[in-house]
Amino acid sequence: LFASKSGGIIVDMAYRPAPAPLIRLVQSVSCREWRAIEGNGGLLEQGYRQFIVWTTMKAPQDIIQRMVCEKYH
């Protein structure tokens, strides 16, 4: 998984458990070139965009983020 010497980005769409096993693995690697993006980030971005589509209004990102963090952390 970590064969690239130039690093990379790992995106894990799982948001439970937090952090997911793949995210913990990436975080345990001492190489700074690797970046992990947790599933909560994807869940939030999807929710923001769906809110706009459904309501035609800007999503209240701070409220949504707080609710997701309370639920999944």
N, C-alpha and C. Protein backbone atom coordinates (compact mmCIF):
# COMPACT_ATOMS: atom_id res chain seq x y z
N LEU A 1 0.82 -1.20 0.00
CA LEU A 1 0.00 0.00 0.00
C LEU A 1 0.86 1.26 0.00
N PHE A 2 1.94 1.26 0.73
CA PHE A 2 2.77 2.45 0.85
C PHE A 2 4.04 2.35 0.02
N ALA A 3 3.97 1.73 -1.15
CA ALA A 3 5.15 1.51 -1.98
C ALA A 3 5.68 2.79 -2.61
N SER A 4 4.82 3.75 -2.85
CA SER A 4 5.25 4.99 -3.50
C SER A 4 6.15 5.79 -2.57
N LYS A 5 7.34 6.11 -3.04
CA LYS A 5 8.28 6.89 -2.22
C LYS A 5 7.87 8.36 -2.16
N SER A 6 7.05 8.80 -3.12
CA SER A 6 6.62 10.19 -3.13
C SER A 6 5.35 10.41 -2.30
N GLY A 7 4.84 9.35 -1.68
CA GLY A 7 3.67 9.49 -0.83
C GLY A 7 2.38 9.45 -1.63
N GLY A 8 1.33 9.94 -1.03
CA GLY A 8 0.03 9.93 -1.67
C GLY A 8 -1.07 10.29 -0.70
N ILE A 9 -2.27 10.07 -1.17
CA ILE A 9 -3.45 10.38 -0.37
C ILE A 9 -4.29 9.11 -0.25
N ILE A 10 -4.70 8.81 0.95
CA ILE A 10 -5.60 7.69 1.21
C ILE A 10 -6.94 8.29 1.64
N VAL A 11 -8.00 7.94 0.92
CA VAL A 11 -9.34 8.39 1.28
C VAL A 11 -10.13 7.17 1.73
N ASP A 12 -10.59 7.21 2.95
CA ASP A 12 -11.38 6.12 3.51
C ASP A 12 -12.79 6.66 3.75
N MET A 13 -13.77 6.12 3.08
CA MET A 13 -15.14 6.62 3.20
C MET A 13 -15.87 6.06 4.43
N ALA A 14 -15.24 5.17 5.17
CA ALA A 14 -15.86 4.67 6.40
C ALA A 14 -15.81 5.77 7.46
N TYR A 15 -16.92 5.96 8.15
CA TYR A 15 -16.91 6.97 9.21
C TYR A 15 -17.18 6.38 10.58
N ARG A 16 -17.26 5.06 10.64
CA ARG A 16 -17.32 4.35 11.92
C ARG A 16 -16.50 3.10 11.81
N PRO A 17 -15.69 2.73 12.76
CA PRO A 17 -15.33 3.52 13.94
C PRO A 17 -14.43 4.68 13.54
N ALA A 18 -14.37 5.66 14.39
CA ALA A 18 -13.51 6.81 14.12
C ALA A 18 -12.32 6.76 15.06
N PRO A 19 -11.11 6.79 14.59
CA PRO A 19 -10.74 6.66 13.18
C PRO A 19 -10.84 5.20 12.72
N ALA A 20 -11.13 5.04 11.44
CA ALA A 20 -11.24 3.71 10.84
C ALA A 20 -9.87 3.03 10.81
N PRO A 21 -9.83 1.70 10.75
CA PRO A 21 -8.55 0.99 10.74
C PRO A 21 -7.58 1.46 9.66
N LEU A 22 -8.06 1.74 8.46
CA LEU A 22 -7.17 2.20 7.39
C LEU A 22 -6.55 3.55 7.75
N ILE A 23 -7.32 4.44 8.33
CA ILE A 23 -6.81 5.75 8.74
C ILE A 23 -5.76 5.57 9.83
N ARG A 24 -6.01 4.70 10.79
CA ARG A 24 -5.01 4.45 11.85
C ARG A 24 -3.72 3.91 11.25
N LEU A 25 -3.83 3.05 10.24
CA LEU A 25 -2.64 2.51 9.58
C LEU A 25 -1.84 3.62 8.91
N VAL A 26 -2.52 4.49 8.18
CA VAL A 26 -1.83 5.60 7.51
C VAL A 26 -1.17 6.50 8.55
N GLN A 27 -1.86 6.78 9.64
CA GLN A 27 -1.32 7.65 10.68
C GLN A 27 -0.12 7.02 11.37
N SER A 28 -0.03 5.70 11.38
CA SER A 28 1.09 5.03 12.04
C SER A 28 2.35 5.02 11.19
N VAL A 29 2.22 5.29 9.90
CA VAL A 29 3.37 5.31 9.00
C VAL A 29 4.14 6.60 9.27
N SER A 30 5.43 6.47 9.44
CA SER A 30 6.23 7.65 9.80
C SER A 30 6.49 8.58 8.62
N CYS A 31 6.14 8.18 7.42
CA CYS A 31 6.40 8.99 6.22
C CYS A 31 5.43 10.17 6.16
N ARG A 32 5.93 11.37 6.14
CA ARG A 32 5.10 12.57 6.12
C ARG A 32 4.39 12.80 4.79
N GLU A 33 4.86 12.14 3.75
CA GLU A 33 4.29 12.36 2.43
C GLU A 33 2.91 11.75 2.26
N TRP A 34 2.49 10.92 3.17
CA TRP A 34 1.18 10.28 3.08
C TRP A 34 0.15 11.08 3.86
N ARG A 35 -0.99 11.29 3.25
CA ARG A 35 -2.06 12.05 3.89
C ARG A 35 -3.32 11.18 3.94
N ALA A 36 -4.00 11.20 5.06
CA ALA A 36 -5.22 10.41 5.24
C ALA A 36 -6.42 11.34 5.34
N ILE A 37 -7.46 11.02 4.60
CA ILE A 37 -8.71 11.76 4.67
C ILE A 37 -9.78 10.81 5.19
N GLU A 38 -10.37 11.17 6.31
CA GLU A 38 -11.36 10.31 6.96
C GLU A 38 -12.72 10.40 6.29
N GLY A 39 -13.54 9.39 6.53
CA GLY A 39 -14.87 9.32 5.94
C GLY A 39 -15.78 10.46 6.33
N ASN A 40 -15.58 11.03 7.52
CA ASN A 40 -16.43 12.15 7.93
C ASN A 40 -16.32 13.32 6.97
N GLY A 41 -15.13 13.55 6.43
CA GLY A 41 -14.95 14.64 5.47
C GLY A 41 -15.79 14.43 4.22
N GLY A 42 -15.79 13.22 3.72
CA GLY A 42 -16.60 12.90 2.55
C GLY A 42 -18.08 12.99 2.85
N LEU A 43 -18.47 12.52 4.03
CA LEU A 43 -19.87 12.58 4.44
C LEU A 43 -20.33 14.04 4.53
N LEU A 44 -19.49 14.89 5.10
CA LEU A 44 -19.84 16.30 5.23
C LEU A 44 -19.98 16.97 3.86
N GLU A 45 -19.00 16.78 2.99
CA GLU A 45 -19.05 17.41 1.67
C GLU A 45 -20.28 16.96 0.89
N GLN A 46 -20.59 15.69 0.97
CA GLN A 46 -21.78 15.17 0.30
C GLN A 46 -23.04 15.82 0.88
N GLY A 47 -23.10 15.93 2.18
CA GLY A 47 -24.25 16.55 2.84
C GLY A 47 -24.43 18.01 2.47
N TYR A 48 -23.32 18.75 2.40
CA TYR A 48 -23.41 20.17 2.03
C TYR A 48 -24.02 20.32 0.64
N ARG A 49 -23.53 19.52 -0.29
CA ARG A 49 -24.01 19.63 -1.66
C ARG A 49 -25.45 19.15 -1.81
N GLN A 50 -25.81 18.11 -1.07
CA GLN A 50 -27.19 17.64 -1.13
C GLN A 50 -28.15 18.68 -0.55
N PHE A 51 -27.73 19.36 0.49
CA PHE A 51 -28.56 20.40 1.09
C PHE A 51 -28.86 21.48 0.05
N ILE A 52 -27.83 21.88 -0.69
CA ILE A 52 -28.02 22.90 -1.73
C ILE A 52 -28.99 22.41 -2.81
N VAL A 53 -28.81 21.17 -3.25
CA VAL A 53 -29.69 20.62 -4.29
C VAL A 53 -31.14 20.56 -3.80
N TRP A 54 -31.34 20.12 -2.58
CA TRP A 54 -32.70 19.94 -2.06
C TRP A 54 -33.39 21.25 -1.70
N THR A 55 -32.62 22.23 -1.24
CA THR A 55 -33.24 23.45 -0.72
C THR A 55 -32.95 24.69 -1.56
N THR A 56 -31.99 24.62 -2.46
CA THR A 56 -31.47 25.76 -3.24
C THR A 56 -30.91 26.87 -2.34
N MET A 57 -30.55 26.51 -1.12
CA MET A 57 -29.94 27.46 -0.18
C MET A 57 -28.57 26.94 0.22
N LYS A 58 -27.72 27.85 0.69
CA LYS A 58 -26.39 27.46 1.17
C LYS A 58 -26.55 26.62 2.44
N ALA A 59 -25.76 25.57 2.52
CA ALA A 59 -25.81 24.68 3.68
C ALA A 59 -25.22 25.35 4.91
N PRO A 60 -25.85 25.19 6.08
CA PRO A 60 -25.27 25.70 7.32
C PRO A 60 -24.15 24.76 7.78
N GLN A 61 -22.97 24.94 7.20
CA GLN A 61 -21.88 23.98 7.38
C GLN A 61 -21.47 23.80 8.83
N ASP A 62 -21.45 24.87 9.60
CA ASP A 62 -21.02 24.74 11.00
C ASP A 62 -21.99 23.86 11.80
N ILE A 63 -23.28 24.00 11.55
CA ILE A 63 -24.28 23.19 12.25
C ILE A 63 -24.18 21.73 11.82
N ILE A 64 -24.07 21.52 10.52
CA ILE A 64 -23.97 20.16 9.99
C ILE A 64 -22.72 19.48 10.52
N GLN A 65 -21.59 20.19 10.51
CA GLN A 65 -20.33 19.61 10.98
C GLN A 65 -20.43 19.24 12.46
N ARG A 66 -21.01 20.10 13.26
CA ARG A 66 -21.15 19.82 14.69
C ARG A 66 -22.01 18.57 14.92
N MET A 67 -23.10 18.46 14.18
CA MET A 67 -24.00 17.31 14.34
C MET A 67 -23.33 16.01 13.92
N VAL A 68 -22.58 16.04 12.82
CA VAL A 68 -21.87 14.84 12.36
C VAL A 68 -20.81 14.45 13.38
N CYS A 69 -20.07 15.42 13.90
CA CYS A 69 -19.03 15.11 14.89
C CYS A 69 -19.64 14.53 16.16
N GLU A 70 -20.77 15.06 16.60
CA GLU A 70 -21.44 14.52 17.79
C GLU A 70 -21.90 13.08 17.56
N LYS A 71 -22.36 12.80 16.36
CA LYS A 71 -22.91 11.47 16.06
C LYS A 71 -21.82 10.43 15.84
N TYR A 72 -20.73 10.80 15.17
CA TYR A 72 -19.76 9.80 14.72
C TYR A 72 -18.41 9.86 15.41
N HIS A 73 -18.23 10.70 16.41
CA HIS A 73 -16.96 10.70 17.16
C HIS A 73 -17.18 10.39 18.60
